[in-house]
Amino acid sequence: MTDDDRFDIDLGALARALLRNWIIIVILVVVGVVAAVGVTMATGKRYQAASAVYLGQPTDANGNPINGINSNPRGAQQIVQSGSVLKAVAKSVRGISASRLRSEVSVDTPTVTVKSVSAPTNFVTITVRDRSGTRAVKAANELADVLVTKISSYADQKTALLSRQITNTRARLAGLDTRVKTAQDALNRVASSGGTPAERASISATYLAIIQSAGNLRDQLIQAVQSLQLTRVVAREVEQPSVFSTASLPAQRVTQGTSLAVAAGVIAGLIVGCVLALVRERIRRRADKSAPTPDTPAEAANPAP
C-alpha cells in the first residue's frame, strides 16, 4: 500500500468543478449542436433510387433447376460492385466517379423463410444514393441493365438454340406437307386413269403408304414443335434475367439523420466542455497554491502597500 493520493479521484471536487464551470459546458453543447446541424445541412439534398432485377432460374434439358450465377445473388452483388462495372456506369452517367459510386451503391437480396430457414430469392435490389435525383435514377437503371446483360448468356443461348430447332422442325413439317400433297395428287390421277381396278389398287398402295407414313411423322413433329415452344417460353419467362422494376423520377428524398447529428453534437459538446472545465479548475488551483500567503494575522490585516 502507498499513501500517494495523486491518482485518487475526488468525486465531490469533480462535481464542484463541473458546477462551477457549467456555463462553459452549456455553451460548448450549444456550439456542438449548431456545428452538427450545420454540417448536416451543408451536405445538401440527397436522393436515393432503386431498381430491381430478376436473376432468372436456369434449368437443364429435363427442366430441373441447376446452379449458376443466376441462382446466386452473391454473384450478382459481386458483378454490380466490381470495378469494371462501376467505371462503365460512372462514365455513362457522368458527374460521379467510380469510387464515389461504390460507396453510394448497395445491393440487397430479399429472403424467404420456410420452416424457420431463410433462403435468398432470385431477386436483387440495386439502390443508389446521390445529391442529384436524376443521377441516382440513371445510375440505378444503368447498373440493372449491365447486370442483366452479364448474366443473360445462358438463357440467350438456350433461347436461340430452341428457336433454331423450332424453325428446323417447322421446315420438316412443310416438307412433309409437300410430300403428302404430291402423293394425293398422284392418287387422284390414278383414280381417274383407265387401268383395271387391280392395277389402280396396286399403284395406289405406294402413295397411300407415303401419305400414312407422313401423317404419323407429322403428328410427332407437331408435338415436338409444341414441346420446343413450351421450353422456349420457360427459357424466356423463367430462366431469362430481366429488370423487374426500374427507378424513376422523382427519386426518393433521403433523410440526413438530423436527430443523430444533434445527439453527436450534444455528446461532443459535453465531452469538450467537461474537459475544459477540469482544465480550468486545475489551473485555478495551481494559481491559488502559488499565490503568497501572509505570515501573521497582522500582515493579513494590514497588507503592504
C-alpha atoms as a PDB file:
ATOM      1  CA  MET A   1       0.000   0.000   0.000  1.00  0.00           C
ATOM      2  CA  THR A   2       1.071   3.607  -0.507  1.00  0.00           C
ATOM      3  CA  ASP A   3      -0.044   6.942   0.833  1.00  0.00           C
ATOM      4  CA  ASP A   4       0.424   8.586  -2.583  1.00  0.00           C
ATOM      5  CA  ASP A   5      -3.008  10.017  -3.420  1.00  0.00           C
ATOM      6  CA  ARG A   6      -2.081  11.632  -6.720  1.00  0.00           C
ATOM      7  CA  PHE A   7      -4.258   9.186  -8.572  1.00  0.00           C
ATOM      8  CA  ASP A   8      -7.224   9.266  -6.204  1.00  0.00           C
ATOM      9  CA  ILE A   9     -10.435  10.704  -7.640  1.00  0.00           C
ATOM     10  CA  ASP A  10     -12.326  13.206  -5.516  1.00  0.00           C
ATOM     11  CA  LEU A  11     -15.851  12.928  -6.891  1.00  0.00           C
ATOM     12  CA  GLY A  12     -17.037  15.827  -4.783  1.00  0.00           C
ATOM     13  CA  ALA A  13     -14.333  18.116  -6.142  1.00  0.00           C
ATOM     14  CA  LEU A  14     -15.060  16.890  -9.653  1.00  0.00           C
ATOM     15  CA  ALA A  15     -18.735  17.696  -9.295  1.00  0.00           C
ATOM     16  CA  ARG A  16     -17.961  21.128  -7.855  1.00  0.00           C
ATOM     17  CA  ALA A  17     -15.593  21.839 -10.713  1.00  0.00           C
ATOM     18  CA  LEU A  18     -18.257  20.980 -13.274  1.00  0.00           C
ATOM     19  CA  LEU A  19     -20.887  23.049 -11.485  1.00  0.00           C
ATOM     20  CA  ARG A  20     -18.519  25.992 -11.195  1.00  0.00           C
ATOM     21  CA  ASN A  21     -17.958  25.915 -14.965  1.00  0.00           C
ATOM     22  CA  TRP A  22     -21.473  24.922 -16.053  1.00  0.00           C
ATOM     23  CA  ILE A  23     -21.831  27.919 -18.347  1.00  0.00           C
ATOM     24  CA  ILE A  24     -18.837  26.777 -20.425  1.00  0.00           C
ATOM     25  CA  ILE A  25     -20.300  23.274 -20.742  1.00  0.00           C
ATOM     26  CA  VAL A  26     -23.657  24.636 -21.865  1.00  0.00           C
ATOM     27  CA  ILE A  27     -22.042  26.946 -24.406  1.00  0.00           C
ATOM     28  CA  LEU A  28     -19.968  24.125 -25.883  1.00  0.00           C
ATOM     29  CA  VAL A  29     -23.005  21.826 -26.065  1.00  0.00           C
ATOM     30  CA  VAL A  30     -24.867  24.503 -27.997  1.00  0.00           C
ATOM     31  CA  VAL A  31     -21.858  25.024 -30.262  1.00  0.00           C
ATOM     32  CA  GLY A  32     -21.666  21.259 -30.869  1.00  0.00           C
ATOM     33  CA  VAL A  33     -25.343  21.046 -31.805  1.00  0.00           C
ATOM     34  CA  VAL A  34     -25.131  24.050 -34.130  1.00  0.00           C
ATOM     35  CA  ALA A  35     -21.991  22.659 -35.787  1.00  0.00           C
ATOM     36  CA  ALA A  36     -23.563  19.210 -36.259  1.00  0.00           C
ATOM     37  CA  VAL A  37     -26.731  20.642 -37.795  1.00  0.00           C
ATOM     38  CA  GLY A  38     -24.663  22.975 -39.966  1.00  0.00           C
ATOM     39  CA  VAL A  39     -22.554  20.124 -41.309  1.00  0.00           C
ATOM     40  CA  THR A  40     -25.683  18.091 -41.968  1.00  0.00           C
ATOM     41  CA  MET A  41     -27.324  20.932 -43.864  1.00  0.00           C
ATOM     42  CA  ALA A  42     -24.104  21.668 -45.761  1.00  0.00           C
ATOM     43  CA  THR A  43     -24.125  18.212 -47.312  1.00  0.00           C
ATOM     44  CA  GLY A  44     -27.119  19.310 -49.360  1.00  0.00           C
ATOM     45  CA  LYS A  45     -30.081  17.309 -50.564  1.00  0.00           C
ATOM     46  CA  ARG A  46     -29.642  13.608 -51.101  1.00  0.00           C
ATOM     47  CA  TYR A  47     -31.819  11.223 -53.026  1.00  0.00           C
ATOM     48  CA  GLN A  48     -31.967   7.507 -53.490  1.00  0.00           C
ATOM     49  CA  ALA A  49     -33.279   5.462 -56.398  1.00  0.00           C
ATOM     50  CA  ALA A  50     -33.761   1.713 -56.596  1.00  0.00           C
ATOM     51  CA  SER A  51     -34.147  -0.779 -59.416  1.00  0.00           C
ATOM     52  CA  ALA A  52     -34.963  -4.475 -59.021  1.00  0.00           C
ATOM     53  CA  VAL A  53     -33.565  -7.302 -61.126  1.00  0.00           C
ATOM     54  CA  TYR A  54     -34.937 -10.817 -61.514  1.00  0.00           C
ATOM     55  CA  LEU A  55     -31.897 -13.079 -61.819  1.00  0.00           C
ATOM     56  CA  GLY A  56     -33.696 -15.937 -63.540  1.00  0.00           C
ATOM     57  CA  GLN A  57     -33.554 -19.648 -62.754  1.00  0.00           C
ATOM     58  CA  PRO A  58     -31.548 -21.801 -65.175  1.00  0.00           C
ATOM     59  CA  THR A  59     -32.791 -25.350 -65.809  1.00  0.00           C
ATOM     60  CA  ASP A  60     -31.331 -28.392 -67.509  1.00  0.00           C
ATOM     61  CA  ALA A  61     -32.727 -30.297 -70.526  1.00  0.00           C
ATOM     62  CA  ASN A  62     -35.297 -32.008 -68.277  1.00  0.00           C
ATOM     63  CA  GLY A  63     -36.486 -28.772 -66.707  1.00  0.00           C
ATOM     64  CA  ASN A  64     -34.727 -29.321 -63.380  1.00  0.00           C
ATOM     65  CA  PRO A  65     -33.215 -26.233 -61.693  1.00  0.00           C
ATOM     66  CA  ILE A  66     -29.454 -26.057 -61.867  1.00  0.00           C
ATOM     67  CA  ASN A  67     -26.937 -23.938 -60.018  1.00  0.00           C
ATOM     68  CA  GLY A  68     -25.376 -20.993 -61.766  1.00  0.00           C
ATOM     69  CA  ILE A  69     -24.598 -17.337 -61.393  1.00  0.00           C
ATOM     70  CA  ASN A  70     -28.277 -16.586 -61.959  1.00  0.00           C
ATOM     71  CA  SER A  71     -29.261 -18.578 -58.887  1.00  0.00           C
ATOM     72  CA  ASN A  72     -26.581 -16.979 -56.704  1.00  0.00           C
ATOM     73  CA  PRO A  73     -27.486 -13.464 -55.517  1.00  0.00           C
ATOM     74  CA  ARG A  74     -23.976 -13.097 -54.086  1.00  0.00           C
ATOM     75  CA  GLY A  75     -22.647 -13.366 -57.614  1.00  0.00           C
ATOM     76  CA  ALA A  76     -24.947 -10.552 -58.693  1.00  0.00           C
ATOM     77  CA  GLN A  77     -23.632  -8.386 -55.853  1.00  0.00           C
ATOM     78  CA  GLN A  78     -20.065  -9.020 -56.943  1.00  0.00           C
ATOM     79  CA  ILE A  79     -20.884  -8.053 -60.527  1.00  0.00           C
ATOM     80  CA  VAL A  80     -22.656  -4.811 -59.606  1.00  0.00           C
ATOM     81  CA  GLN A  81     -19.893  -3.717 -57.236  1.00  0.00           C
ATOM     82  CA  SER A  82     -16.997  -4.767 -59.469  1.00  0.00           C
ATOM     83  CA  GLY A  83     -14.592  -2.074 -60.596  1.00  0.00           C
ATOM     84  CA  SER A  84     -15.188  -2.557 -64.327  1.00  0.00           C
ATOM     85  CA  VAL A  85     -18.956  -2.216 -63.985  1.00  0.00           C
ATOM     86  CA  LEU A  86     -18.742   0.842 -61.727  1.00  0.00           C
ATOM     87  CA  LYS A  87     -16.287   2.540 -64.084  1.00  0.00           C
ATOM     88  CA  ALA A  88     -18.508   1.890 -67.097  1.00  0.00           C
ATOM     89  CA  VAL A  89     -21.627   3.177 -65.356  1.00  0.00           C
ATOM     90  CA  ALA A  90     -19.834   6.229 -63.919  1.00  0.00           C
ATOM     91  CA  LYS A  91     -18.594   7.079 -67.415  1.00  0.00           C
ATOM     92  CA  SER A  92     -22.109   6.753 -68.814  1.00  0.00           C
ATOM     93  CA  VAL A  93     -23.893   8.649 -66.041  1.00  0.00           C
ATOM     94  CA  ARG A  94     -21.317  11.448 -65.724  1.00  0.00           C
ATOM     95  CA  GLY A  95     -20.921  13.656 -62.682  1.00  0.00           C
ATOM     96  CA  ILE A  96     -19.963  10.828 -60.355  1.00  0.00           C
ATOM     97  CA  SER A  97     -16.724   8.888 -60.005  1.00  0.00           C
ATOM     98  CA  ALA A  98     -16.449   5.126 -59.772  1.00  0.00           C
ATOM     99  CA  SER A  99     -15.026   5.333 -56.244  1.00  0.00           C
ATOM    100  CA  ARG A 100     -17.864   7.517 -55.013  1.00  0.00           C
ATOM    101  CA  LEU A 101     -20.399   5.351 -56.816  1.00  0.00           C
ATOM    102  CA  ARG A 102     -19.001   2.315 -54.992  1.00  0.00           C
ATOM    103  CA  SER A 103     -19.708   3.934 -51.629  1.00  0.00           C
ATOM    104  CA  GLU A 104     -23.184   5.033 -52.708  1.00  0.00           C
ATOM    105  CA  VAL A 105     -24.370   1.692 -54.148  1.00  0.00           C
ATOM    106  CA  SER A 106     -25.950  -1.087 -52.120  1.00  0.00           C
ATOM    107  CA  VAL A 107     -27.229  -4.424 -53.411  1.00  0.00           C
ATOM    108  CA  ASP A 108     -29.830  -6.130 -51.239  1.00  0.00           C
ATOM    109  CA  THR A 109     -31.323  -9.607 -51.576  1.00  0.00           C
ATOM    110  CA  PRO A 110     -34.757 -10.371 -50.125  1.00  0.00           C
ATOM    111  CA  THR A 111     -35.091 -13.708 -48.362  1.00  0.00           C
ATOM    112  CA  VAL A 112     -37.948 -16.158 -47.944  1.00  0.00           C
ATOM    113  CA  THR A 113     -38.331 -18.032 -44.665  1.00  0.00           C
ATOM    114  CA  VAL A 114     -39.521 -21.615 -44.934  1.00  0.00           C
ATOM    115  CA  LYS A 115     -39.736 -23.657 -41.738  1.00  0.00           C
ATOM    116  CA  SER A 116     -37.545 -21.138 -39.878  1.00  0.00           C
ATOM    117  CA  VAL A 117     -34.841 -21.366 -42.564  1.00  0.00           C
ATOM    118  CA  SER A 118     -34.152 -18.229 -44.606  1.00  0.00           C
ATOM    119  CA  ALA A 119     -33.160 -18.686 -48.219  1.00  0.00           C
ATOM    120  CA  PRO A 120     -32.337 -15.946 -50.736  1.00  0.00           C
ATOM    121  CA  THR A 121     -34.635 -15.415 -53.685  1.00  0.00           C
ATOM    122  CA  ASN A 122     -33.575 -14.738 -57.245  1.00  0.00           C
ATOM    123  CA  PHE A 123     -34.158 -11.010 -56.913  1.00  0.00           C
ATOM    124  CA  VAL A 124     -31.763  -8.215 -56.067  1.00  0.00           C
ATOM    125  CA  THR A 125     -32.482  -4.563 -55.392  1.00  0.00           C
ATOM    126  CA  ILE A 126     -29.887  -2.036 -56.522  1.00  0.00           C
ATOM    127  CA  THR A 127     -30.027   1.229 -54.567  1.00  0.00           C
ATOM    128  CA  VAL A 128     -28.020   4.322 -55.488  1.00  0.00           C
ATOM    129  CA  ARG A 129     -27.770   7.483 -53.359  1.00  0.00           C
ATOM    130  CA  ASP A 130     -26.641  10.805 -54.755  1.00  0.00           C
ATOM    131  CA  ARG A 131     -27.114  14.541 -54.373  1.00  0.00           C
ATOM    132  CA  SER A 132     -28.822  14.514 -57.771  1.00  0.00           C
ATOM    133  CA  GLY A 133     -32.076  12.600 -58.055  1.00  0.00           C
ATOM    134  CA  THR A 134     -31.714  12.341 -61.834  1.00  0.00           C
ATOM    135  CA  ARG A 135     -28.216  10.954 -61.497  1.00  0.00           C
ATOM    136  CA  ALA A 136     -29.287   8.426 -58.856  1.00  0.00           C
ATOM    137  CA  VAL A 137     -32.114   7.170 -61.092  1.00  0.00           C
ATOM    138  CA  LYS A 138     -29.891   6.862 -64.143  1.00  0.00           C
ATOM    139  CA  ALA A 139     -27.129   5.066 -62.244  1.00  0.00           C
ATOM    140  CA  ALA A 140     -29.569   2.572 -60.693  1.00  0.00           C
ATOM    141  CA  ASN A 141     -31.075   1.742 -64.089  1.00  0.00           C
ATOM    142  CA  GLU A 142     -27.670   1.523 -65.780  1.00  0.00           C
ATOM    143  CA  LEU A 143     -26.418  -0.908 -63.138  1.00  0.00           C
ATOM    144  CA  ALA A 144     -29.540  -3.035 -63.542  1.00  0.00           C
ATOM    145  CA  ASP A 145     -29.099  -3.171 -67.329  1.00  0.00           C
ATOM    146  CA  VAL A 146     -25.418  -4.113 -67.042  1.00  0.00           C
ATOM    147  CA  LEU A 147     -26.220  -6.864 -64.544  1.00  0.00           C
ATOM    148  CA  VAL A 148     -28.924  -8.352 -66.778  1.00  0.00           C
ATOM    149  CA  THR A 149     -26.591  -8.267 -69.786  1.00  0.00           C
ATOM    150  CA  LYS A 150     -23.800 -10.035 -67.928  1.00  0.00           C
ATOM    151  CA  ILE A 151     -25.923 -12.882 -66.553  1.00  0.00           C
ATOM    152  CA  SER A 152     -28.132 -13.481 -69.613  1.00  0.00           C
ATOM    153  CA  SER A 153     -25.660 -15.510 -71.656  1.00  0.00           C
ATOM    154  CA  TYR A 154     -27.051 -18.940 -70.721  1.00  0.00           C
ATOM    155  CA  ALA A 155     -30.691 -18.010 -71.296  1.00  0.00           C
ATOM    156  CA  ASP A 156     -29.880 -16.172 -74.534  1.00  0.00           C
ATOM    157  CA  GLN A 157     -28.001 -19.140 -75.973  1.00  0.00           C
ATOM    158  CA  LYS A 158     -30.707 -21.570 -74.898  1.00  0.00           C
ATOM    159  CA  THR A 159     -33.470 -19.444 -76.409  1.00  0.00           C
ATOM    160  CA  ALA A 160     -31.543 -19.079 -79.668  1.00  0.00           C
ATOM    161  CA  LEU A 161     -30.961 -22.856 -79.852  1.00  0.00           C
ATOM    162  CA  LEU A 162     -34.645 -23.585 -79.220  1.00  0.00           C
ATOM    163  CA  SER A 163     -35.652 -21.075 -81.877  1.00  0.00           C
ATOM    164  CA  ARG A 164     -33.402 -22.812 -84.422  1.00  0.00           C
ATOM    165  CA  GLN A 165     -34.839 -26.193 -83.500  1.00  0.00           C
ATOM    166  CA  ILE A 166     -38.376 -24.879 -83.908  1.00  0.00           C
ATOM    167  CA  THR A 167     -37.511 -23.402 -87.311  1.00  0.00           C
ATOM    168  CA  ASN A 168     -35.929 -26.662 -88.488  1.00  0.00           C
ATOM    169  CA  THR A 169     -38.855 -28.749 -87.255  1.00  0.00           C
ATOM    170  CA  ARG A 170     -41.333 -26.484 -88.983  1.00  0.00           C
ATOM    171  CA  ALA A 171     -39.287 -26.821 -92.177  1.00  0.00           C
ATOM    172  CA  ARG A 172     -39.592 -30.591 -91.892  1.00  0.00           C
ATOM    173  CA  LEU A 173     -43.334 -30.209 -91.423  1.00  0.00           C
ATOM    174  CA  ALA A 174     -43.545 -28.099 -94.565  1.00  0.00           C
ATOM    175  CA  GLY A 175     -41.598 -30.785 -96.450  1.00  0.00           C
ATOM    176  CA  LEU A 176     -44.000 -33.478 -95.239  1.00  0.00           C
ATOM    177  CA  ASP A 177     -46.981 -31.423 -96.318  1.00  0.00           C
ATOM    178  CA  THR A 178     -45.431 -31.134 -99.774  1.00  0.00           C
ATOM    179  CA  ARG A 179     -44.905 -34.918 -99.939  1.00  0.00           C
ATOM    180  CA  VAL A 180     -48.479 -35.583 -98.834  1.00  0.00           C
ATOM    181  CA  LYS A 181     -49.845 -33.174-101.415  1.00  0.00           C
ATOM    182  CA  THR A 182     -47.730 -34.774-104.152  1.00  0.00           C
ATOM    183  CA  ALA A 183     -48.892 -38.277-103.153  1.00  0.00           C
ATOM    184  CA  GLN A 184     -52.530 -37.134-103.003  1.00  0.00           C
ATOM    185  CA  ASP A 185     -52.299 -35.621-106.474  1.00  0.00           C
ATOM    186  CA  ALA A 186     -50.833 -38.896-107.771  1.00  0.00           C
ATOM    187  CA  LEU A 187     -53.687 -40.847-106.178  1.00  0.00           C
ATOM    188  CA  ASN A 188     -56.184 -38.593-107.906  1.00  0.00           C
ATOM    189  CA  ARG A 189     -54.513 -39.233-111.228  1.00  0.00           C
ATOM    190  CA  VAL A 190     -54.500 -42.977-110.646  1.00  0.00           C
ATOM    191  CA  ALA A 191     -58.159 -42.904-109.723  1.00  0.00           C
ATOM    192  CA  SER A 192     -59.031 -41.159-112.986  1.00  0.00           C
ATOM    193  CA  SER A 193     -56.803 -43.394-115.128  1.00  0.00           C
ATOM    194  CA  GLY A 194     -58.175 -46.109-117.382  1.00  0.00           C
ATOM    195  CA  GLY A 195     -56.490 -49.106-115.844  1.00  0.00           C
ATOM    196  CA  THR A 196     -58.210 -52.043-114.201  1.00  0.00           C
ATOM    197  CA  PRO A 197     -59.177 -51.824-110.522  1.00  0.00           C
ATOM    198  CA  ALA A 198     -56.385 -54.200-109.621  1.00  0.00           C
ATOM    199  CA  GLU A 199     -53.834 -52.087-111.439  1.00  0.00           C
ATOM    200  CA  ARG A 200     -55.108 -48.903-109.855  1.00  0.00           C
ATOM    201  CA  ALA A 201     -55.052 -50.527-106.384  1.00  0.00           C
ATOM    202  CA  SER A 202     -51.505 -51.734-106.873  1.00  0.00           C
ATOM    203  CA  ILE A 203     -50.286 -48.298-107.936  1.00  0.00           C
ATOM    204  CA  SER A 204     -52.265 -46.511-105.230  1.00  0.00           C
ATOM    205  CA  ALA A 205     -50.792 -48.649-102.434  1.00  0.00           C
ATOM    206  CA  THR A 206     -47.421 -46.927-102.693  1.00  0.00           C
ATOM    207  CA  TYR A 207     -48.912 -43.442-102.457  1.00  0.00           C
ATOM    208  CA  LEU A 208     -51.191 -44.459 -99.595  1.00  0.00           C
ATOM    209  CA  ALA A 209     -48.175 -45.737 -97.662  1.00  0.00           C
ATOM    210  CA  ILE A 210     -46.412 -42.415 -98.234  1.00  0.00           C
ATOM    211  CA  ILE A 211     -49.436 -40.470 -97.006  1.00  0.00           C
ATOM    212  CA  GLN A 212     -49.886 -42.672 -93.927  1.00  0.00           C
ATOM    213  CA  SER A 213     -46.191 -42.549 -93.000  1.00  0.00           C
ATOM    214  CA  ALA A 214     -46.070 -38.783 -93.495  1.00  0.00           C
ATOM    215  CA  GLY A 215     -49.187 -38.353 -91.356  1.00  0.00           C
ATOM    216  CA  ASN A 216     -47.690 -40.281 -88.436  1.00  0.00           C
ATOM    217  CA  LEU A 217     -44.421 -38.362 -88.669  1.00  0.00           C
ATOM    218  CA  ARG A 218     -46.325 -35.100 -88.979  1.00  0.00           C
ATOM    219  CA  ASP A 219     -48.097 -35.741 -85.651  1.00  0.00           C
ATOM    220  CA  GLN A 220     -44.738 -36.390 -83.982  1.00  0.00           C
ATOM    221  CA  LEU A 221     -43.239 -33.220 -85.409  1.00  0.00           C
ATOM    222  CA  ILE A 222     -46.236 -31.139 -84.308  1.00  0.00           C
ATOM    223  CA  GLN A 223     -45.797 -32.463 -80.751  1.00  0.00           C
ATOM    224  CA  ALA A 224     -42.066 -31.717 -80.961  1.00  0.00           C
ATOM    225  CA  VAL A 225     -42.756 -28.128 -82.046  1.00  0.00           C
ATOM    226  CA  GLN A 226     -45.220 -27.647 -79.194  1.00  0.00           C
ATOM    227  CA  SER A 227     -42.718 -29.044 -76.682  1.00  0.00           C
ATOM    228  CA  LEU A 228     -39.949 -26.817 -78.022  1.00  0.00           C
ATOM    229  CA  GLN A 229     -42.221 -23.766 -77.899  1.00  0.00           C
ATOM    230  CA  LEU A 230     -43.127 -24.508 -74.276  1.00  0.00           C
ATOM    231  CA  THR A 231     -39.464 -24.926 -73.372  1.00  0.00           C
ATOM    232  CA  ARG A 232     -38.681 -21.639 -75.087  1.00  0.00           C
ATOM    233  CA  VAL A 233     -41.420 -19.900 -73.113  1.00  0.00           C
ATOM    234  CA  VAL A 234     -39.856 -21.229 -69.902  1.00  0.00           C
ATOM    235  CA  ALA A 235     -36.439 -20.045 -71.048  1.00  0.00           C
ATOM    236  CA  ARG A 236     -37.783 -16.574 -71.811  1.00  0.00           C
ATOM    237  CA  GLU A 237     -40.080 -16.113 -68.835  1.00  0.00           C
ATOM    238  CA  VAL A 238     -38.370 -18.134 -66.085  1.00  0.00           C
ATOM    239  CA  GLU A 239     -34.709 -18.564 -66.968  1.00  0.00           C
ATOM    240  CA  GLN A 240     -34.114 -15.216 -68.640  1.00  0.00           C
ATOM    241  CA  PRO A 241     -32.903 -12.472 -66.263  1.00  0.00           C
ATOM    242  CA  SER A 242     -34.765  -9.202 -66.581  1.00  0.00           C
ATOM    243  CA  VAL A 243     -35.193  -5.796 -64.994  1.00  0.00           C
ATOM    244  CA  PHE A 244     -38.185  -6.353 -62.743  1.00  0.00           C
ATOM    245  CA  SER A 245     -38.701  -2.684 -61.912  1.00  0.00           C
ATOM    246  CA  THR A 246     -36.861   0.447 -62.963  1.00  0.00           C
ATOM    247  CA  ALA A 247     -36.025   3.515 -60.938  1.00  0.00           C
ATOM    248  CA  SER A 248     -37.986   6.588 -61.941  1.00  0.00           C
ATOM    249  CA  LEU A 249     -38.258  10.256 -61.115  1.00  0.00           C
ATOM    250  CA  PRO A 250     -38.907  11.799 -58.727  1.00  0.00           C
ATOM    251  CA  ALA A 251     -36.288   9.981 -56.682  1.00  0.00           C
ATOM    252  CA  GLN A 252     -36.941   9.392 -53.002  1.00  0.00           C
ATOM    253  CA  ARG A 253     -35.580  12.082 -50.708  1.00  0.00           C
ATOM    254  CA  VAL A 254     -33.201  10.627 -48.120  1.00  0.00           C
ATOM    255  CA  THR A 255     -33.312  11.961 -44.579  1.00  0.00           C
ATOM    256  CA  GLN A 256     -29.971  13.217 -43.355  1.00  0.00           C
ATOM    257  CA  GLY A 257     -30.213  11.812 -39.838  1.00  0.00           C
ATOM    258  CA  THR A 258     -30.543  15.231 -38.162  1.00  0.00           C
ATOM    259  CA  SER A 259     -31.501  13.707 -34.817  1.00  0.00           C
ATOM    260  CA  LEU A 260     -28.378  11.555 -34.865  1.00  0.00           C
ATOM    261  CA  ALA A 261     -26.250  14.567 -35.729  1.00  0.00           C
ATOM    262  CA  VAL A 262     -27.789  16.568 -32.863  1.00  0.00           C
ATOM    263  CA  ALA A 263     -27.086  13.724 -30.433  1.00  0.00           C
ATOM    264  CA  ALA A 264     -23.494  13.559 -31.641  1.00  0.00           C
ATOM    265  CA  GLY A 265     -23.177  17.326 -31.212  1.00  0.00           C
ATOM    266  CA  VAL A 266     -24.526  17.158 -27.664  1.00  0.00           C
ATOM    267  CA  ILE A 267     -22.111  14.368 -26.716  1.00  0.00           C
ATOM    268  CA  ALA A 268     -19.143  16.112 -28.291  1.00  0.00           C
ATOM    269  CA  GLY A 269     -20.044  19.396 -26.573  1.00  0.00           C
ATOM    270  CA  LEU A 270     -20.387  17.671 -23.203  1.00  0.00           C
ATOM    271  CA  ILE A 271     -17.053  15.920 -23.517  1.00  0.00           C
ATOM    272  CA  VAL A 272     -15.160  19.003 -24.617  1.00  0.00           C
ATOM    273  CA  GLY A 273     -16.946  21.156 -22.048  1.00  0.00           C
ATOM    274  CA  CYS A 274     -16.185  18.793 -19.169  1.00  0.00           C
ATOM    275  CA  VAL A 275     -12.542  18.501 -20.185  1.00  0.00           C
ATOM    276  CA  LEU A 276     -12.208  22.281 -20.470  1.00  0.00           C
ATOM    277  CA  ALA A 277     -13.939  22.755 -17.110  1.00  0.00           C
ATOM    278  CA  LEU A 278     -11.499  20.373 -15.416  1.00  0.00           C
ATOM    279  CA  VAL A 279      -8.532  22.049 -17.062  1.00  0.00           C
ATOM    280  CA  ARG A 280      -9.704  25.477 -15.885  1.00  0.00           C
ATOM    281  CA  GLU A 281     -10.252  24.118 -12.373  1.00  0.00           C
ATOM    282  CA  ARG A 282      -6.759  22.663 -12.289  1.00  0.00           C
ATOM    283  CA  ILE A 283      -5.242  25.953 -13.488  1.00  0.00           C
ATOM    284  CA  ARG A 284      -7.213  27.821 -10.827  1.00  0.00           C
ATOM    285  CA  ARG A 285      -5.956  25.504  -8.096  1.00  0.00           C
ATOM    286  CA  ARG A 286      -2.353  25.892  -9.198  1.00  0.00           C
ATOM    287  CA  ALA A 287      -2.785  29.664  -9.201  1.00  0.00           C
ATOM    288  CA  ASP A 288      -4.197  29.559  -5.667  1.00  0.00           C
ATOM    289  CA  LYS A 289      -1.302  27.437  -4.419  1.00  0.00           C
ATOM    290  CA  SER A 290       1.323  29.699  -5.970  1.00  0.00           C
ATOM    291  CA  ALA A 291      -0.184  32.893  -4.566  1.00  0.00           C
ATOM    292  CA  PRO A 292       1.768  34.313  -1.477  1.00  0.00           C
ATOM    293  CA  THR A 293       0.103  33.854   1.915  1.00  0.00           C
ATOM    294  CA  PRO A 294       0.536  36.317   4.854  1.00  0.00           C
ATOM    295  CA  ASP A 295       2.770  35.051   7.695  1.00  0.00           C
ATOM    296  CA  THR A 296       0.945  36.734  10.610  1.00  0.00           C
ATOM    297  CA  PRO A 297      -2.589  37.905  11.279  1.00  0.00           C
ATOM    298  CA  ALA A 298      -1.273  41.473  11.407  1.00  0.00           C
ATOM    299  CA  GLU A 299       0.199  41.227   7.997  1.00  0.00           C
ATOM    300  CA  ALA A 300      -3.032  39.758   6.779  1.00  0.00           C
ATOM    301  CA  ALA A 301      -4.972  42.639   8.290  1.00  0.00           C
ATOM    302  CA  ASN A 302      -2.500  45.283   7.029  1.00  0.00           C
ATOM    303  CA  PRO A 303      -1.193  44.184   3.693  1.00  0.00           C
ATOM    304  CA  ALA A 304       1.804  46.031   2.367  1.00  0.00           C
ATOM    305  CA  PRO A 305       1.003  48.965   0.040  1.00  0.00           C
END
